[in-house]
Every structure is written in C-alpha cells, then in structure tokens.
N, C-alpha and C. Protein backbone atom coordinates (compact mmCIF):
# COMPACT_ATOMS: atom_id res chain seq x y z
N UNK A 1 13.60 -14.17 -6.19
CA UNK A 1 12.07 -14.61 -5.99
C UNK A 1 11.70 -15.05 -4.68
N UNK A 2 10.84 -14.51 -4.06
CA UNK A 2 10.29 -14.86 -2.77
C UNK A 2 9.57 -16.21 -2.83
N UNK A 3 9.86 -16.90 -1.65
CA UNK A 3 9.17 -18.20 -1.59
C UNK A 3 7.74 -18.28 -1.11
N UNK A 4 7.32 -19.31 -0.60
CA UNK A 4 5.99 -19.41 -0.07
C UNK A 4 5.81 -18.38 1.14
N UNK A 5 4.76 -17.81 1.43
CA UNK A 5 4.61 -16.77 2.34
C UNK A 5 4.85 -17.37 3.72
N UNK A 6 4.72 -18.58 4.07
CA UNK A 6 5.05 -18.94 5.49
C UNK A 6 6.70 -19.03 5.63
N UNK A 7 7.22 -19.39 4.51
CA UNK A 7 8.78 -19.42 4.48
C UNK A 7 9.38 -17.99 4.76
N UNK A 8 8.54 -17.15 3.98
CA UNK A 8 8.94 -15.55 4.11
C UNK A 8 8.83 -15.04 5.46
N UNK A 9 7.64 -15.43 6.05
CA UNK A 9 7.38 -14.96 7.51
C UNK A 9 8.43 -15.62 8.48
N UNK A 10 8.61 -16.90 8.38
CA UNK A 10 9.58 -17.48 9.29
C UNK A 10 11.03 -16.90 9.02
N UNK A 11 11.39 -16.67 7.90
CA UNK A 11 12.68 -16.09 7.63
C UNK A 11 12.78 -14.65 8.32
N UNK A 12 11.71 -13.96 7.98
CA UNK A 12 11.67 -12.50 8.63
C UNK A 12 11.80 -12.64 10.17
N UNK A 13 11.14 -13.70 10.79
CA UNK A 13 11.27 -13.86 12.38
C UNK A 13 12.81 -14.20 12.86
N UNK A 14 13.36 -15.01 11.92
CA UNK A 14 14.78 -15.32 12.08
C UNK A 14 15.65 -14.12 12.09
N UNK A 15 15.41 -13.26 11.02
CA UNK A 15 16.25 -11.94 10.92
C UNK A 15 15.86 -11.08 11.98
N UNK A 16 14.56 -10.85 12.51
CA UNK A 16 14.18 -9.96 13.67
C UNK A 16 15.06 -10.50 14.78
N UNK A 17 14.92 -11.81 15.16
CA UNK A 17 15.46 -12.13 16.33
C UNK A 17 17.03 -12.05 16.39
N UNK A 18 17.71 -12.29 15.22
CA UNK A 18 19.10 -12.28 15.16
C UNK A 18 19.53 -10.81 15.28
N UNK A 19 18.74 -10.00 14.59
CA UNK A 19 19.16 -8.51 14.68
C UNK A 19 18.89 -7.89 16.09
N UNK A 20 17.96 -8.39 16.72
CA UNK A 20 17.55 -8.05 18.05
C UNK A 20 18.64 -8.52 19.10
N UNK A 21 19.33 -9.55 18.85
CA UNK A 21 20.49 -9.97 19.45
C UNK A 21 21.70 -9.38 19.24
N UNK A 22 21.67 -8.75 18.20
CA UNK A 22 22.95 -7.85 17.74
C UNK A 22 24.00 -8.96 17.08
N UNK A 23 23.30 -10.04 16.48
CA UNK A 23 24.21 -11.04 15.81
C UNK A 23 24.32 -10.84 14.42
N UNK A 24 25.32 -11.03 13.71
CA UNK A 24 25.44 -10.98 12.37
C UNK A 24 25.14 -12.28 11.67
N UNK A 25 24.90 -12.21 10.41
CA UNK A 25 24.40 -13.35 9.72
C UNK A 25 25.67 -14.30 9.66
N UNK A 26 26.76 -13.75 9.68
CA UNK A 26 27.93 -14.74 9.70
C UNK A 26 28.08 -15.55 11.06
N UNK A 27 27.79 -14.77 12.14
CA UNK A 27 27.69 -15.47 13.40
C UNK A 27 26.71 -16.50 13.49
N UNK A 28 25.65 -16.20 13.00
CA UNK A 28 24.49 -17.12 13.07
C UNK A 28 24.84 -18.37 12.21
N UNK A 29 25.42 -18.24 11.03
CA UNK A 29 25.72 -19.12 10.20
C UNK A 29 26.79 -20.13 10.90
N UNK A 30 27.80 -19.50 11.36
CA UNK A 30 28.87 -20.26 12.10
C UNK A 30 28.24 -21.00 13.29
N UNK A 31 27.32 -20.60 14.03
CA UNK A 31 26.74 -21.45 14.92
C UNK A 31 25.95 -22.60 14.68
N UNK A 32 25.40 -22.58 13.41
CA UNK A 32 24.60 -23.71 12.79
C UNK A 32 25.22 -24.40 11.66
N UNK A 33 26.58 -24.01 11.38
CA UNK A 33 27.20 -24.64 10.22
C UNK A 33 26.81 -24.18 8.80
N UNK A 34 26.32 -22.91 8.56
CA UNK A 34 25.95 -22.42 7.43
C UNK A 34 26.75 -21.22 6.98
N UNK A 35 26.83 -20.94 5.67
CA UNK A 35 27.42 -19.57 5.23
C UNK A 35 26.53 -18.49 5.48
N UNK A 36 27.06 -17.20 5.47
CA UNK A 36 26.11 -16.14 5.68
C UNK A 36 25.05 -15.97 4.38
N UNK A 37 25.63 -16.37 3.16
CA UNK A 37 24.76 -16.39 2.04
C UNK A 37 23.54 -17.37 2.13
N UNK A 38 23.71 -18.49 2.86
CA UNK A 38 22.61 -19.35 3.04
C UNK A 38 21.67 -18.89 4.25
N UNK A 39 22.17 -18.08 5.14
CA UNK A 39 21.38 -17.37 6.10
C UNK A 39 20.53 -16.37 5.42
N UNK A 40 21.09 -15.55 4.56
CA UNK A 40 20.41 -14.46 3.79
C UNK A 40 19.29 -15.19 2.86
N UNK A 41 19.42 -16.42 2.33
CA UNK A 41 18.35 -16.96 1.60
C UNK A 41 17.17 -17.37 2.48
N UNK A 42 17.51 -17.90 3.67
CA UNK A 42 16.63 -18.27 4.67
C UNK A 42 15.80 -17.18 5.02
N UNK A 43 16.57 -15.98 5.34
CA UNK A 43 15.92 -14.75 6.01
C UNK A 43 14.82 -14.18 4.98
N UNK A 44 15.15 -14.29 3.66
CA UNK A 44 14.40 -13.77 2.55
C UNK A 44 13.25 -14.67 2.26
N UNK A 45 13.22 -15.80 2.75
CA UNK A 45 12.14 -16.79 2.40
C UNK A 45 12.40 -17.59 1.08
N UNK A 46 13.70 -17.26 0.41
CA UNK A 46 13.99 -17.92 -0.87
C UNK A 46 14.18 -19.42 -0.65
N UNK A 47 14.68 -19.89 0.55
CA UNK A 47 14.90 -21.22 0.86
C UNK A 47 14.05 -21.62 2.09
N UNK A 48 13.41 -22.74 1.95
CA UNK A 48 12.53 -23.10 3.15
C UNK A 48 13.53 -23.72 4.22
N UNK A 49 13.04 -23.46 5.42
CA UNK A 49 13.72 -23.80 6.61
C UNK A 49 13.13 -25.35 7.15
N UNK A 50 14.05 -26.39 7.01
CA UNK A 50 13.42 -27.67 7.58
C UNK A 50 13.41 -27.55 9.01
N UNK A 51 12.61 -28.66 9.46
CA UNK A 51 12.24 -28.59 11.07
C UNK A 51 13.61 -28.72 11.82
N UNK A 52 14.46 -29.59 11.45
CA UNK A 52 15.73 -29.81 12.17
C UNK A 52 16.55 -28.46 12.17
N UNK A 53 16.52 -27.70 11.00
CA UNK A 53 17.36 -26.39 11.04
C UNK A 53 16.68 -25.26 11.92
N UNK A 54 15.28 -25.46 11.72
CA UNK A 54 14.54 -24.48 12.65
C UNK A 54 14.70 -24.71 14.16
N UNK A 55 14.89 -25.95 14.57
CA UNK A 55 15.18 -26.28 15.88
C UNK A 55 16.70 -25.84 16.22
N UNK A 56 17.49 -25.84 15.26
CA UNK A 56 18.84 -25.34 15.56
C UNK A 56 18.81 -23.75 15.74
N UNK A 57 18.08 -23.19 14.87
CA UNK A 57 17.92 -21.62 14.93
C UNK A 57 17.27 -21.40 16.37
N UNK A 58 16.28 -22.10 16.75
CA UNK A 58 15.56 -21.74 18.00
C UNK A 58 16.56 -21.77 19.18
N UNK A 59 17.47 -23.01 19.10
CA UNK A 59 18.44 -22.92 20.38
C UNK A 59 19.43 -21.77 20.19
N UNK A 60 20.01 -21.52 18.92
CA UNK A 60 21.11 -20.54 19.04
C UNK A 60 20.41 -19.01 19.25
N UNK A 61 19.14 -18.75 18.78
CA UNK A 61 18.62 -17.51 18.96
C UNK A 61 17.74 -17.48 20.33
N UNK A 62 17.83 -18.53 21.10
CA UNK A 62 17.20 -18.59 22.36
C UNK A 62 15.70 -18.19 22.44
N UNK A 63 14.98 -18.90 21.56
CA UNK A 63 13.49 -18.79 21.53
C UNK A 63 12.80 -20.13 21.26
N UNK A 64 11.60 -20.41 21.73
CA UNK A 64 10.86 -21.80 21.26
C UNK A 64 10.78 -21.57 19.67
N UNK A 65 10.58 -22.71 19.11
CA UNK A 65 10.24 -22.95 17.78
C UNK A 65 9.07 -22.11 17.40
N UNK A 66 7.92 -22.03 18.27
CA UNK A 66 6.77 -21.37 17.84
C UNK A 66 7.13 -19.94 17.66
N UNK A 67 8.11 -19.40 18.15
CA UNK A 67 8.34 -17.95 18.00
C UNK A 67 8.33 -17.69 16.49
N UNK A 68 8.92 -18.53 15.69
CA UNK A 68 9.15 -18.25 14.35
C UNK A 68 7.63 -18.13 13.44
N UNK A 69 6.64 -18.66 14.19
CA UNK A 69 5.33 -18.46 13.59
C UNK A 69 4.39 -17.63 14.27
N UNK A 70 4.76 -16.77 15.25
CA UNK A 70 4.05 -15.87 15.96
C UNK A 70 3.79 -14.73 14.93
N UNK A 71 2.77 -14.05 15.28
CA UNK A 71 2.36 -12.83 14.49
C UNK A 71 2.30 -13.00 12.96
N UNK A 72 1.90 -14.29 12.59
CA UNK A 72 1.75 -14.65 11.14
C UNK A 72 0.65 -13.66 10.64
N UNK A 73 0.78 -12.97 9.52
CA UNK A 73 -0.19 -12.02 8.78
C UNK A 73 -1.39 -13.05 8.50
N UNK A 74 -2.68 -12.18 8.51
CA UNK A 74 -3.83 -12.93 8.35
C UNK A 74 -3.83 -13.58 7.01
N UNK A 75 -3.41 -12.99 5.99
CA UNK A 75 -3.40 -13.55 4.65
C UNK A 75 -2.59 -14.76 4.45
N UNK A 76 -1.56 -15.02 5.39
CA UNK A 76 -0.89 -16.17 5.27
C UNK A 76 -1.64 -17.28 6.02
N UNK A 77 -2.35 -16.95 7.01
CA UNK A 77 -3.01 -17.94 7.80
C UNK A 77 -4.13 -18.38 7.05
N UNK A 78 -4.69 -17.58 6.29
CA UNK A 78 -5.94 -18.03 5.60
C UNK A 78 -5.65 -18.91 4.21
N UNK A 79 -4.30 -18.66 3.73
CA UNK A 79 -3.78 -19.62 2.75
C UNK A 79 -4.06 -19.03 1.45
N UNK A 80 -3.56 -19.73 0.31
CA UNK A 80 -3.57 -19.17 -0.91
C UNK A 80 -4.39 -19.94 -1.97
N UNK A 81 -5.04 -20.88 -1.55
CA UNK A 81 -5.88 -21.63 -2.42
C UNK A 81 -5.12 -22.92 -3.16
N UNK A 82 -3.95 -22.39 -3.84
CA UNK A 82 -3.04 -23.41 -4.49
C UNK A 82 -1.78 -23.39 -3.93
N UNK A 83 -0.91 -24.30 -4.31
CA UNK A 83 0.47 -24.48 -3.86
C UNK A 83 1.46 -23.78 -4.84
N UNK A 84 1.12 -23.21 -5.82
CA UNK A 84 2.17 -22.77 -6.78
C UNK A 84 2.87 -21.59 -6.22
N UNK A 85 4.05 -21.46 -6.41
CA UNK A 85 4.92 -20.37 -5.92
C UNK A 85 4.64 -19.10 -6.73
N UNK A 86 4.12 -19.08 -8.08
CA UNK A 86 4.24 -17.99 -8.96
C UNK A 86 2.97 -17.24 -8.70
N UNK A 87 1.90 -17.61 -8.13
CA UNK A 87 0.69 -17.01 -7.81
C UNK A 87 0.79 -15.91 -6.67
N UNK A 88 0.34 -14.70 -6.90
CA UNK A 88 0.41 -13.88 -5.73
C UNK A 88 -0.94 -13.93 -4.88
N UNK A 89 -1.88 -14.26 -5.17
CA UNK A 89 -3.22 -14.57 -4.49
C UNK A 89 -3.31 -13.77 -3.19
N UNK A 90 -3.55 -12.34 -3.47
CA UNK A 90 -3.81 -11.78 -2.21
C UNK A 90 -2.51 -11.14 -1.60
N UNK A 91 -1.48 -11.41 -2.15
CA UNK A 91 -0.04 -10.99 -1.64
C UNK A 91 0.28 -9.60 -2.20
N UNK A 92 1.09 -9.01 -1.52
CA UNK A 92 1.56 -7.60 -1.98
C UNK A 92 2.35 -7.65 -3.29
N UNK A 93 2.73 -6.44 -3.63
CA UNK A 93 3.27 -6.19 -4.89
C UNK A 93 4.48 -7.02 -5.31
N UNK A 94 5.34 -7.31 -4.48
CA UNK A 94 6.35 -8.10 -4.66
C UNK A 94 6.20 -9.67 -4.23
N UNK A 95 4.89 -10.10 -4.05
CA UNK A 95 4.64 -11.44 -3.88
C UNK A 95 4.91 -11.80 -2.47
N UNK A 96 5.18 -10.84 -1.53
CA UNK A 96 5.32 -11.32 -0.11
C UNK A 96 4.12 -10.80 0.76
N UNK A 97 3.82 -11.49 1.76
CA UNK A 97 2.66 -11.14 2.59
C UNK A 97 2.92 -9.88 3.46
N UNK A 98 3.84 -9.23 3.23
CA UNK A 98 4.24 -8.02 4.10
C UNK A 98 4.33 -6.68 3.38
N UNK A 99 4.07 -6.65 2.03
CA UNK A 99 4.13 -5.58 1.22
C UNK A 99 3.04 -4.47 1.67
N UNK A 100 1.89 -4.97 1.98
CA UNK A 100 0.80 -4.21 2.32
C UNK A 100 0.70 -3.81 3.88
N UNK A 101 1.50 -4.49 4.50
CA UNK A 101 1.72 -4.26 5.93
C UNK A 101 2.92 -3.47 6.28
N UNK A 102 2.74 -2.15 6.76
CA UNK A 102 3.97 -1.53 7.16
C UNK A 102 4.00 -1.83 8.68
N UNK A 103 4.59 -2.93 8.96
CA UNK A 103 4.63 -3.43 10.25
C UNK A 103 5.89 -2.90 10.94
N UNK A 104 5.60 -1.86 12.07
CA UNK A 104 6.94 -1.27 12.63
C UNK A 104 7.86 -2.33 13.30
N UNK A 105 7.41 -3.44 13.59
CA UNK A 105 8.24 -4.36 14.34
C UNK A 105 9.08 -5.03 13.39
N UNK A 106 8.95 -4.89 12.02
CA UNK A 106 9.79 -5.59 11.03
C UNK A 106 10.99 -4.55 10.66
N UNK A 107 10.85 -3.24 11.08
CA UNK A 107 11.87 -2.12 10.82
C UNK A 107 13.13 -2.43 11.71
N UNK A 108 14.24 -2.11 11.16
CA UNK A 108 15.42 -2.24 11.74
C UNK A 108 15.63 -1.20 12.87
N UNK A 109 15.07 -0.09 12.53
CA UNK A 109 15.02 1.00 13.66
C UNK A 109 14.38 0.50 14.91
N UNK A 110 13.17 -0.25 14.82
CA UNK A 110 12.40 -0.70 15.96
C UNK A 110 13.46 -1.58 16.72
N UNK A 111 13.96 -2.66 16.08
CA UNK A 111 14.87 -3.51 16.72
C UNK A 111 16.10 -2.79 17.36
N UNK A 112 16.60 -1.68 16.71
CA UNK A 112 17.82 -1.11 17.37
C UNK A 112 17.32 -0.41 18.53
N UNK A 113 16.22 0.07 18.50
CA UNK A 113 15.60 0.80 19.61
C UNK A 113 15.49 -0.01 20.92
N UNK A 114 14.80 -1.23 20.59
CA UNK A 114 14.56 -2.26 21.70
C UNK A 114 15.97 -2.73 22.13
N UNK A 115 16.91 -3.02 21.33
CA UNK A 115 18.16 -3.31 21.84
C UNK A 115 18.71 -2.31 22.69
N UNK A 116 18.74 -1.07 22.17
CA UNK A 116 19.43 0.17 23.16
C UNK A 116 18.61 0.28 24.44
N UNK A 117 17.24 0.02 24.38
CA UNK A 117 16.38 0.18 25.45
C UNK A 117 16.83 -0.90 26.56
N UNK A 118 17.09 -2.14 26.22
CA UNK A 118 17.44 -3.20 27.19
C UNK A 118 18.94 -3.09 27.63
N UNK A 119 19.88 -2.14 26.94
CA UNK A 119 21.19 -1.98 27.48
C UNK A 119 21.20 -1.15 28.62
N UNK A 120 20.03 -0.51 28.96
CA UNK A 120 19.88 0.45 30.15
C UNK A 120 19.85 -0.45 31.31
N UNK A 121 20.83 -0.47 32.19
CA UNK A 121 20.85 -1.51 33.40
C UNK A 121 19.81 -1.08 34.41
N UNK A 122 19.86 0.34 34.57
CA UNK A 122 18.88 0.76 35.71
C UNK A 122 17.39 0.66 35.46
N UNK A 123 16.83 -0.28 36.07
CA UNK A 123 15.24 -0.46 35.78
C UNK A 123 14.49 0.77 36.01
N UNK A 124 14.71 1.67 36.81
CA UNK A 124 13.93 2.95 37.20
C UNK A 124 14.13 3.78 35.90
N UNK A 125 15.46 3.94 35.56
CA UNK A 125 15.59 4.79 34.28
C UNK A 125 14.87 4.31 33.02
N UNK A 126 14.96 2.95 32.80
CA UNK A 126 14.30 2.37 31.68
C UNK A 126 12.97 2.63 31.65
N UNK A 127 12.23 2.43 32.94
CA UNK A 127 10.72 2.51 33.06
C UNK A 127 10.41 3.97 32.80
N UNK A 128 11.14 4.97 33.16
CA UNK A 128 10.85 6.31 32.97
C UNK A 128 11.01 6.79 31.38
N UNK A 129 12.10 6.06 30.74
CA UNK A 129 12.10 6.45 29.25
C UNK A 129 10.95 5.75 28.62
N UNK A 130 10.55 4.53 29.13
CA UNK A 130 9.28 4.02 28.52
C UNK A 130 8.05 4.81 28.64
N UNK A 131 7.78 5.43 29.96
CA UNK A 131 6.73 6.33 30.10
C UNK A 131 6.84 7.50 29.18
N UNK A 132 8.01 8.04 29.03
CA UNK A 132 8.13 9.26 28.29
C UNK A 132 7.90 9.06 26.82
N UNK A 133 8.29 7.89 26.37
CA UNK A 133 7.95 7.52 24.92
C UNK A 133 6.59 7.31 24.67
N UNK A 134 5.90 6.57 25.62
CA UNK A 134 4.44 6.56 25.54
C UNK A 134 3.72 7.95 25.57
N UNK A 135 4.11 8.70 26.48
CA UNK A 135 3.45 10.16 26.62
C UNK A 135 3.72 10.96 25.23
N UNK A 136 4.92 10.79 24.77
CA UNK A 136 5.04 11.60 23.48
C UNK A 136 4.32 11.05 22.36
N UNK A 137 4.30 9.70 22.25
CA UNK A 137 3.41 9.09 21.30
C UNK A 137 1.86 9.48 21.38
N UNK A 138 1.36 9.48 22.57
CA UNK A 138 0.06 9.86 22.90
C UNK A 138 -0.16 11.32 22.39
N UNK A 139 0.85 12.20 22.88
CA UNK A 139 0.60 13.66 22.49
C UNK A 139 0.72 13.85 21.06
N UNK A 140 1.64 13.21 20.34
CA UNK A 140 1.63 13.24 18.87
C UNK A 140 0.29 12.68 18.21
N UNK A 141 -0.25 11.76 18.77
CA UNK A 141 -1.49 11.26 18.08
C UNK A 141 -2.59 12.32 18.39
N UNK A 142 -2.64 12.69 19.63
CA UNK A 142 -3.60 13.81 20.03
C UNK A 142 -3.62 14.96 19.09
N UNK A 143 -2.36 15.35 18.92
CA UNK A 143 -2.02 16.71 18.07
C UNK A 143 -2.62 16.44 16.67
N UNK A 144 -2.28 15.20 16.07
CA UNK A 144 -2.58 14.99 14.81
C UNK A 144 -4.09 14.78 14.53
N UNK A 145 -4.69 14.26 15.48
CA UNK A 145 -6.34 14.18 15.54
C UNK A 145 -6.81 15.64 15.54
N UNK A 146 -6.36 16.49 16.47
CA UNK A 146 -6.82 17.77 16.68
C UNK A 146 -6.59 18.60 15.41
N UNK A 147 -5.52 18.38 14.79
CA UNK A 147 -5.16 19.25 13.50
C UNK A 147 -6.07 18.71 12.39
N UNK A 148 -6.36 17.42 12.29
CA UNK A 148 -7.18 16.90 11.27
C UNK A 148 -8.55 17.43 11.41
N UNK A 149 -9.07 17.58 12.51
CA UNK A 149 -10.56 18.07 12.74
C UNK A 149 -10.69 19.68 12.34
N UNK A 150 -9.66 20.32 12.33
CA UNK A 150 -9.75 21.74 12.03
C UNK A 150 -9.82 22.06 10.53
N UNK A 151 -9.52 21.10 9.69
CA UNK A 151 -9.63 21.28 8.38
C UNK A 151 -10.94 21.27 7.76
C-alpha cells in the first residue's frame, strides 16, 4: 500500500537520483546503514523518510535536501483535505499521485539515457548528440502534426 503522496514523491526522487548515479539499492543502504529492503520501502513511499535520514540521503546522493521535493505534482501540492491514508482524493488508480501523469523523467529509460549521455567525455560530441536528438524530436512532432491534419 502506498503511503502519503509526499512520501511517494520523495521516495521516487530518491530512486531517480540513485538510478541516475548508477547506484544499487544495496550500495545506498550500506552508505546509510539500511538494508536494501528498507530502501525499497522508502522508494515506494511505503515508509516515511525522517528529516535526519533525508539529510543522509542528500549527502550520499550529492544533492540538496530540497531536491527531493522538486517537481512535486500539483495534486500533491494542493493537498488532500484529510490526513487519512486510505482516501484517494484526486489520486490515480493505485492511490499514488503519479498514475495519471506519464512523466518521462520517472522512466528508467530516461535515467539510463542521461547517464549514458554524461559518460561521453568529449563536450563537442555530447553537444552534437544533444542537437541531433532535439532535431529528431522536432521532426517527429512535426510529422505527427502534419499526418493528423490530413485525416
């Protein structure tokens, strides 16, 4: 069962950053004195992360504590009216704030792409790949728009 939407979001941000760094749940757990099962529960939002633990995560994952609250979905920021965990109150099908949002930043594919991109040492090559991906994306969007108008 998923916890409070803020806990779910913070856990997702822990998972994103850990994955982006190429760190396993076991390695993160070792760094902060937890088992990988405890890390899993935090990442799912099943367990609430206390402030001192969040501070430890921020040091190990090399981000400010505020990172974990960045990009909070609107329905989490607005609140749920009550404090009960069982109510869905505007949440997605599974009771998390992310079911309705197909956030590409939350996908493993995106994180792996970013990690691979930053492994390219030559800045000029990296920049050309960046420009190429943007151009392909723009062309794909233009093609989709053009084919939609013909119908």
